[in-house]
Amino acid sequence: MTNYKAISRFKGLNTLRFIAAFLVVIHHAESLRKDHGLQNHLKDFGLFQNGTHAVSFFFVLSGFLITYLLLKEREVKNDISIKQFYIKRVFRIWPLYFLMVIIGAIIQPYFIDWFNIPYKMPYTFGETWYYFVFFVPGMVNYFFGSNLLEPLWSIGVEEVFYLIWAPLFKWLKKHVLKLLLGVIAFKLILISINTYWALPGVLSYVIRIHQFEAMAIGGLGAYLVFNYGSRITVSWIYSIPSQLFFYSLILVFILFGANIHADLWYFFFGNPIVSAIVPNALFLYLIIGVSVVDKNLFTLENRFFSYLGEISYGIYMFHLLILSQIIELVKGFVAGSGMWWESLFYYGIAIPLIIGVSALSKRTLEAYFEKKKQKVLQKMNREGA
């Protein structure tokens, strides 16, 4: 019988990570084709318009995993080490994040000037360094528009969430459920105010991108699995008919959501207030079903896709820089040869290169800091920190 308070690994989640990262890749790939005047009829299909939804999925997944780990740590140690929590996040996120800042804000502009590449950076490092250093890269997107480091905005949002989540968990340990529901309710109030009273631009933008409601929904799922897992996994919500309905709905949402314009569909998936809950709740349903429900309709445990999920952080971080270079090759060699030949050339080069660079990053940079993290944590444990 599964002990839902001592799960060491949630099966299938690495595959979900890769699928979400891949949806972000193809979203940006088709957006770049459009920006460069190339044929991009694929962009018309809902499947290629899921970048925002995929990032929301990452937020839900992050909230689920982080909350579960904090609940588990408190169960085992009767306390939470905020210091160790921060160290784990720093060693996992900062190295690749700051590498991307160095490449995209310092090195790349230099090479653009050196080789007279017809691309003008929308900002200088001097104008933006403090946004990157203090983990608000979303402000770069807001003030300077689309740029090669655009995906970093979500990393900044997660860092803010991590900064406050562990301390809140430690201080409100007897009120975790109230904390989770309170975050969701507070964010819905802000969204409502922003929707009906049109807050000033930058404030509206900050409210939109800081999807703490998605992370809290993920955290709520972790709380329910941790405390009521044995009931949830055998309840009607995960009966075969329920799974058929909800998984079909998720599939339609991902494949065709952007192409459906019915009023009822818009209410659930387009209304700013309702859509802050419904898609994220569906993502949570998928996460719990795949990872802990024994009689789930499908399993996503696959060695190949699991590995791709392990390097998904690199895929997410590197993909736009790589795609921006490959699009120049497409324009130079196969532009005008037809959408399908362009697509074959484009994705045939871009996807292997993105995966290769991400795998190299995982084996070198990320592996190096993972070892450093383990040494630091071992030393802290010996010292009783």
Protein backbone atom coordinates (compact mmCIF):
# COMPACT_ATOMS: atom_id res chain seq x y z
CA MET A 1 0.00 0.00 0.00
CA THR A 2 1.37 3.39 -0.98
CA ASN A 3 2.48 5.68 1.82
CA TYR A 4 1.42 9.04 0.41
CA LYS A 5 3.47 10.89 3.02
CA ALA A 6 6.73 9.29 1.91
CA ILE A 7 6.73 9.32 -1.89
CA SER A 8 10.34 9.61 -3.07
CA ARG A 9 9.62 9.91 -6.79
CA PHE A 10 6.49 10.84 -8.70
CA LYS A 11 6.33 8.67 -11.80
CA GLY A 12 5.70 10.15 -15.22
CA LEU A 13 6.31 13.78 -14.31
CA ASN A 14 9.55 14.02 -16.28
CA THR A 15 7.65 13.12 -19.44
CA LEU A 16 5.08 15.81 -18.66
CA ARG A 17 7.92 18.27 -18.16
CA PHE A 18 9.25 17.50 -21.62
CA ILE A 19 5.85 17.78 -23.27
CA ALA A 20 5.33 21.20 -21.68
CA ALA A 21 8.82 22.35 -22.71
CA PHE A 22 8.22 21.10 -26.26
CA LEU A 23 4.96 23.06 -26.47
CA VAL A 24 6.89 26.21 -25.53
CA VAL A 25 9.50 25.43 -28.20
CA ILE A 26 7.04 24.99 -31.05
CA HIS A 27 5.07 28.05 -29.92
CA HIS A 28 8.16 30.26 -30.17
CA ALA A 29 9.34 28.50 -33.32
CA GLU A 30 6.18 29.42 -35.19
CA SER A 31 6.10 32.92 -33.71
CA LEU A 32 9.61 33.49 -35.07
CA ARG A 33 8.55 32.32 -38.51
CA LYS A 34 5.73 34.83 -38.46
CA ASP A 35 8.01 37.64 -37.25
CA HIS A 36 10.44 36.91 -40.10
CA GLY A 37 7.78 36.81 -42.80
CA LEU A 38 8.09 33.08 -43.50
CA GLN A 39 5.20 30.73 -44.20
CA ASN A 40 3.72 29.68 -40.90
CA HIS A 41 0.30 28.20 -41.43
CA LEU A 42 1.08 25.86 -38.52
CA LYS A 43 0.65 28.86 -36.24
CA ASP A 44 -3.06 28.77 -37.03
CA PHE A 45 -3.45 25.44 -35.22
CA GLY A 46 -4.14 25.52 -31.49
CA LEU A 47 -1.35 23.04 -30.83
CA PHE A 48 1.23 25.69 -31.76
CA GLN A 49 -0.28 28.35 -29.47
CA ASN A 50 0.27 26.72 -26.10
CA GLY A 51 3.35 28.54 -24.86
CA THR A 52 1.48 30.43 -22.14
CA HIS A 53 -0.48 27.35 -21.08
CA ALA A 54 2.71 25.26 -20.91
CA VAL A 55 4.33 27.81 -18.60
CA SER A 56 1.20 27.75 -16.42
CA PHE A 57 1.56 23.97 -16.28
CA PHE A 58 5.15 24.42 -15.08
CA PHE A 59 3.88 26.73 -12.34
CA VAL A 60 1.29 24.18 -11.20
CA LEU A 61 3.89 21.40 -11.27
CA SER A 62 6.39 23.53 -9.37
CA GLY A 63 3.83 24.36 -6.69
CA PHE A 64 2.88 20.69 -6.42
CA LEU A 65 6.43 19.39 -6.01
CA ILE A 66 7.75 22.15 -3.77
CA THR A 67 4.75 21.98 -1.45
CA TYR A 68 4.93 18.20 -1.23
CA LEU A 69 8.66 18.33 -0.38
CA LEU A 70 8.01 20.90 2.36
CA LEU A 71 5.18 18.82 3.80
CA LYS A 72 7.37 15.74 3.74
CA GLU A 73 10.31 17.53 5.37
CA ARG A 74 8.07 18.85 8.15
CA GLU A 75 6.61 15.34 8.66
CA VAL A 76 10.07 13.78 9.01
CA LYS A 77 11.94 16.53 10.88
CA ASN A 78 9.05 18.38 12.51
CA ASP A 79 10.57 21.54 11.05
CA ILE A 80 11.58 23.16 7.77
CA SER A 81 15.09 24.40 7.02
CA ILE A 82 14.61 27.60 5.07
CA LYS A 83 18.36 27.85 4.58
CA GLN A 84 18.59 24.43 2.94
CA PHE A 85 15.49 25.17 0.86
CA TYR A 86 17.12 28.30 -0.55
CA ILE A 87 20.44 26.55 -1.17
CA LYS A 88 18.72 23.81 -3.19
CA ARG A 89 16.93 26.37 -5.35
CA VAL A 90 20.05 28.52 -5.83
CA PHE A 91 22.25 25.64 -7.01
CA ARG A 92 19.52 24.33 -9.29
CA ILE A 93 18.33 27.54 -10.91
CA TRP A 94 20.97 30.25 -10.70
CA PRO A 95 23.85 28.74 -12.73
CA LEU A 96 21.88 28.28 -15.95
CA TYR A 97 19.86 31.44 -15.38
CA PHE A 98 22.93 33.66 -15.08
CA LEU A 99 24.68 31.82 -17.91
CA MET A 100 21.75 32.77 -20.14
CA VAL A 101 21.97 36.38 -18.97
CA ILE A 102 25.68 36.47 -19.82
CA ILE A 103 25.12 34.88 -23.23
CA GLY A 104 22.00 36.79 -24.18
CA ALA A 105 22.73 40.20 -22.72
CA ILE A 106 26.53 40.46 -23.06
CA ILE A 107 28.08 37.92 -25.45
CA GLN A 108 25.38 37.77 -28.11
CA PRO A 109 25.12 41.56 -28.62
CA TYR A 110 28.90 41.64 -29.05
CA PHE A 111 28.80 39.02 -31.81
CA ILE A 112 25.84 40.74 -33.46
CA ASP A 113 27.94 43.90 -33.77
CA TRP A 114 31.13 42.03 -34.71
CA PHE A 115 29.55 40.08 -37.58
CA ASN A 116 27.14 42.85 -38.63
CA ILE A 117 24.13 40.57 -38.15
CA PRO A 118 20.92 42.38 -39.15
CA TYR A 119 19.38 42.25 -35.70
CA LYS A 120 19.11 45.15 -33.31
CA MET A 121 19.05 44.38 -29.60
CA PRO A 122 16.06 46.15 -28.01
CA TYR A 123 18.10 47.00 -24.92
CA THR A 124 21.64 47.29 -23.58
CA PHE A 125 23.01 45.38 -20.62
CA GLY A 126 23.43 48.68 -18.77
CA GLU A 127 19.72 49.36 -19.12
CA THR A 128 18.58 45.98 -17.83
CA TRP A 129 21.21 44.33 -15.61
CA TYR A 130 19.34 45.13 -12.38
CA TYR A 131 16.18 43.47 -13.69
CA PHE A 132 18.11 40.27 -14.36
CA VAL A 133 20.15 40.34 -11.16
CA PHE A 134 17.14 40.91 -8.92
CA PHE A 135 15.05 38.27 -10.71
CA VAL A 136 12.45 40.47 -12.35
CA PRO A 137 13.37 39.76 -16.01
CA GLY A 138 9.70 40.12 -16.89
CA MET A 139 10.23 43.86 -16.63
CA VAL A 140 12.68 43.64 -19.53
CA ASN A 141 9.92 42.13 -21.65
CA TYR A 142 7.47 44.80 -20.53
CA PHE A 143 9.68 47.84 -21.08
CA PHE A 144 11.71 46.67 -24.09
CA GLY A 145 9.45 44.16 -25.87
CA SER A 146 10.28 40.73 -27.27
CA ASN A 147 13.91 39.70 -26.87
CA LEU A 148 16.16 36.66 -26.89
CA LEU A 149 15.92 36.25 -23.11
CA GLU A 150 12.15 36.50 -23.04
CA PRO A 151 11.59 33.03 -21.45
CA LEU A 152 13.46 34.12 -18.31
CA TRP A 153 10.37 35.96 -17.04
CA SER A 154 8.90 32.73 -15.66
CA ILE A 155 12.13 31.91 -13.80
CA GLY A 156 11.89 35.28 -12.08
CA VAL A 157 8.29 34.54 -11.07
CA GLU A 158 9.28 31.18 -9.61
CA GLU A 159 12.17 32.73 -7.69
CA VAL A 160 9.82 35.24 -6.06
CA PHE A 161 7.48 32.39 -5.17
CA TYR A 162 10.32 30.33 -3.67
CA LEU A 163 11.53 33.32 -1.68
CA ILE A 164 8.26 33.64 0.20
CA TRP A 165 6.89 30.08 0.17
CA ALA A 166 9.25 28.29 2.56
CA PRO A 167 9.08 30.99 5.27
CA LEU A 168 5.28 31.11 5.04
CA PHE A 169 5.17 27.33 5.30
CA LYS A 170 7.40 27.36 8.35
CA TRP A 171 5.53 30.12 10.15
CA LEU A 172 2.01 28.96 9.26
CA LYS A 173 2.63 25.24 9.62
CA LYS A 174 -0.74 24.64 11.29
CA HIS A 175 -2.60 26.59 8.64
CA VAL A 176 -1.21 25.27 5.36
CA LEU A 177 -4.63 24.70 3.80
CA LYS A 178 -5.74 28.21 4.75
CA LEU A 179 -2.50 29.57 3.26
CA LEU A 180 -3.07 27.77 -0.05
CA LEU A 181 -6.72 28.81 -0.31
CA GLY A 182 -5.83 32.33 0.80
CA VAL A 183 -3.23 32.75 -1.95
CA ILE A 184 -5.73 31.56 -4.56
CA ALA A 185 -8.48 33.84 -3.23
CA PHE A 186 -6.19 36.88 -2.96
CA LYS A 187 -4.91 36.41 -6.51
CA LEU A 188 -8.47 36.05 -7.83
CA ILE A 189 -9.35 39.34 -6.15
CA LEU A 190 -6.39 41.03 -7.83
CA ILE A 191 -7.34 39.54 -11.21
CA SER A 192 -10.92 40.75 -10.74
CA ILE A 193 -9.77 44.27 -9.88
CA ASN A 194 -7.41 44.25 -12.85
CA THR A 195 -10.16 42.99 -15.16
CA TYR A 196 -12.92 45.39 -14.21
CA TRP A 197 -11.01 48.52 -13.20
CA ALA A 198 -8.09 48.47 -15.67
CA LEU A 199 -5.09 49.03 -13.40
CA PRO A 200 -2.07 50.98 -14.71
CA GLY A 201 -0.02 49.10 -17.33
CA VAL A 202 2.96 47.90 -15.34
CA LEU A 203 0.84 46.93 -12.32
CA SER A 204 -1.57 45.03 -14.56
CA TYR A 205 1.36 43.22 -16.15
CA VAL A 206 2.88 42.26 -12.79
CA ILE A 207 -0.45 40.81 -11.64
CA ARG A 208 -0.82 38.81 -14.85
CA ILE A 209 2.63 37.24 -14.92
CA HIS A 210 2.92 36.38 -11.22
CA GLN A 211 0.72 33.31 -11.45
CA PHE A 212 0.88 32.43 -7.78
CA GLU A 213 -2.64 31.06 -8.06
CA ALA A 214 -1.30 28.35 -10.37
CA MET A 215 1.44 27.45 -7.89
CA ALA A 216 -1.02 27.46 -5.00
CA ILE A 217 -3.36 25.18 -6.97
CA GLY A 218 -0.42 22.82 -7.44
CA GLY A 219 0.33 23.15 -3.73
CA LEU A 220 -3.29 22.36 -2.90
CA GLY A 221 -2.95 19.16 -4.92
CA ALA A 222 0.18 18.21 -2.98
CA TYR A 223 -1.62 18.88 0.31
CA LEU A 224 -4.52 16.65 -0.72
CA VAL A 225 -2.24 13.84 -1.95
CA PHE A 226 -0.12 14.04 1.20
CA ASN A 227 -3.06 13.93 3.58
CA TYR A 228 -5.80 12.15 1.64
CA GLY A 229 -4.01 10.31 -1.14
CA SER A 230 -5.53 6.93 -0.39
CA ARG A 231 -9.04 8.39 -0.72
CA ILE A 232 -8.45 10.57 -3.76
CA THR A 233 -6.85 7.92 -5.94
CA VAL A 234 -9.82 5.54 -5.55
CA SER A 235 -12.58 8.16 -5.53
CA TRP A 236 -15.05 8.84 -8.34
CA ILE A 237 -12.89 11.73 -9.54
CA TYR A 238 -10.40 9.17 -10.90
CA SER A 239 -12.94 6.59 -12.01
CA ILE A 240 -12.61 5.48 -15.62
CA PRO A 241 -15.53 7.63 -16.88
CA SER A 242 -14.12 10.69 -15.08
CA GLN A 243 -10.67 10.09 -16.50
CA LEU A 244 -12.09 9.73 -20.02
CA PHE A 245 -13.91 13.03 -19.65
CA PHE A 246 -11.14 15.10 -18.07
CA TYR A 247 -8.28 13.73 -20.17
CA SER A 248 -10.32 14.24 -23.34
CA LEU A 249 -11.01 17.81 -22.25
CA ILE A 250 -7.30 18.41 -21.64
CA LEU A 251 -6.44 16.96 -25.04
CA VAL A 252 -9.00 19.15 -26.81
CA PHE A 253 -7.73 22.18 -24.87
CA ILE A 254 -4.13 21.56 -25.96
CA LEU A 255 -4.81 20.55 -29.56
CA PHE A 256 -7.66 22.87 -30.51
CA GLY A 257 -8.28 25.30 -27.64
CA ALA A 258 -7.16 28.40 -29.52
CA ASN A 259 -9.40 27.47 -32.47
CA ILE A 260 -12.61 27.14 -30.43
CA HIS A 261 -14.63 30.34 -30.20
CA ALA A 262 -17.85 29.21 -28.51
CA ASP A 263 -19.11 31.40 -25.67
CA LEU A 264 -19.17 28.55 -23.16
CA TRP A 265 -15.58 27.62 -24.03
CA TYR A 266 -14.49 31.23 -23.64
CA PHE A 267 -16.13 31.43 -20.21
CA PHE A 268 -14.06 28.54 -18.87
CA PHE A 269 -10.82 29.06 -20.80
CA GLY A 270 -10.77 32.71 -21.83
CA ASN A 271 -12.42 34.65 -19.04
CA PRO A 272 -9.51 36.10 -16.99
CA ILE A 273 -11.00 35.11 -13.64
CA VAL A 274 -12.37 31.65 -14.42
CA SER A 275 -9.42 30.71 -16.63
CA ALA A 276 -7.09 31.36 -13.70
CA ILE A 277 -8.65 28.28 -12.10
CA VAL A 278 -10.03 25.84 -14.69
CA PRO A 279 -6.94 25.10 -16.88
CA ASN A 280 -4.69 24.94 -13.83
CA ALA A 281 -7.10 22.57 -12.10
CA LEU A 282 -7.05 20.36 -15.20
CA PHE A 283 -3.25 20.41 -15.18
CA LEU A 284 -3.30 19.37 -11.53
CA TYR A 285 -5.73 16.57 -12.34
CA LEU A 286 -3.27 15.33 -14.98
CA ILE A 287 -0.29 15.58 -12.62
CA ILE A 288 -1.98 13.60 -9.85
CA GLY A 289 -3.40 11.04 -12.26
CA VAL A 290 -0.10 10.35 -13.97
CA SER A 291 2.04 10.35 -10.85
CA VAL A 292 0.05 8.65 -8.08
CA VAL A 293 -3.11 6.99 -9.43
CA ASP A 294 -2.43 3.27 -9.90
CA LYS A 295 -5.38 2.74 -12.25
CA ASN A 296 -4.70 5.73 -14.44
CA LEU A 297 -5.70 5.17 -18.06
CA PHE A 298 -2.13 5.64 -19.24
CA THR A 299 1.39 5.72 -17.91
CA LEU A 300 4.06 8.15 -19.01
CA GLU A 301 6.99 6.24 -17.58
CA ASN A 302 9.35 6.06 -20.54
CA ARG A 303 13.12 6.06 -20.30
CA PHE A 304 13.68 8.24 -23.38
CA PHE A 305 11.06 10.87 -22.59
CA SER A 306 11.98 10.77 -18.92
CA TYR A 307 15.52 11.79 -19.87
CA LEU A 308 14.19 14.58 -22.07
CA GLY A 309 12.22 15.72 -19.04
CA GLU A 310 15.38 15.75 -16.96
CA ILE A 311 16.95 18.22 -19.41
CA SER A 312 13.75 20.23 -19.87
CA TYR A 313 15.13 23.18 -17.87
CA GLY A 314 17.88 23.51 -20.45
CA ILE A 315 15.41 23.03 -23.31
CA TYR A 316 13.30 25.86 -21.94
CA MET A 317 16.26 28.16 -21.34
CA PHE A 318 18.24 27.60 -24.55
CA HIS A 319 15.53 27.14 -27.14
CA LEU A 320 14.83 30.74 -28.12
CA LEU A 321 18.51 31.63 -28.57
CA ILE A 322 18.97 28.58 -30.80
CA LEU A 323 15.76 29.09 -32.75
CA SER A 324 16.71 32.70 -33.48
CA GLN A 325 19.90 31.48 -35.17
CA ILE A 326 18.26 28.62 -37.09
CA ILE A 327 15.61 30.96 -38.50
CA GLU A 328 18.38 32.88 -40.25
CA LEU A 329 19.48 29.63 -41.94
CA VAL A 330 15.91 28.97 -43.02
CA LYS A 331 15.68 32.44 -44.55
CA GLY A 332 19.01 31.97 -46.30
CA PHE A 333 18.65 28.44 -47.68
CA VAL A 334 15.08 27.21 -47.98
CA ALA A 335 12.81 30.27 -47.82
CA GLY A 336 10.20 30.02 -50.54
CA SER A 337 10.56 26.27 -51.01
CA GLY A 338 7.19 25.59 -49.40
CA MET A 339 5.98 25.40 -45.83
CA TRP A 340 6.62 21.68 -45.41
CA TRP A 341 10.21 21.81 -46.70
CA GLU A 342 10.86 24.87 -44.58
CA SER A 343 9.38 23.08 -41.55
CA LEU A 344 11.44 19.94 -42.16
CA PHE A 345 14.64 21.97 -42.44
CA TYR A 346 13.75 24.23 -39.51
CA TYR A 347 12.74 21.60 -36.99
CA GLY A 348 15.17 18.98 -38.33
CA ILE A 349 18.05 21.22 -37.29
CA ALA A 350 16.56 23.09 -34.34
CA ILE A 351 15.15 20.21 -32.28
CA PRO A 352 18.32 18.03 -32.25
CA LEU A 353 20.46 21.10 -31.56
CA ILE A 354 18.27 22.26 -28.67
CA ILE A 355 18.27 18.77 -27.16
CA GLY A 356 22.03 18.39 -27.70
CA VAL A 357 22.91 21.71 -26.07
CA SER A 358 20.54 20.99 -23.17
CA ALA A 359 22.04 17.52 -22.66
CA LEU A 360 25.54 19.02 -22.67
CA SER A 361 24.45 21.62 -20.12
CA LYS A 362 22.99 18.89 -17.92
CA ARG A 363 26.18 16.83 -18.03
CA THR A 364 28.55 19.73 -17.43
CA LEU A 365 27.32 22.95 -15.86
CA GLU A 366 24.26 21.56 -14.09
CA ALA A 367 26.02 18.37 -12.98
CA TYR A 368 28.91 20.42 -11.56
CA PHE A 369 26.62 22.57 -9.43
CA GLU A 370 24.55 19.55 -8.41
CA LYS A 371 27.69 18.03 -6.89
CA LYS A 372 28.50 21.33 -5.20
CA LYS A 373 24.98 21.44 -3.79
CA GLN A 374 25.26 17.94 -2.34
CA LYS A 375 28.56 18.80 -0.66
CA VAL A 376 27.12 21.97 0.87
CA LEU A 377 24.02 20.15 2.11
CA GLN A 378 26.08 17.30 3.57
CA LYS A 379 28.24 19.79 5.42
CA MET A 380 25.19 21.59 6.76
CA ASN A 381 23.65 18.33 7.93
CA ARG A 382 26.86 17.38 9.75
CA GLU A 383 26.86 20.76 11.45
CA GLY A 384 23.19 20.43 12.29
CA ALA A 385 22.10 23.41 10.20
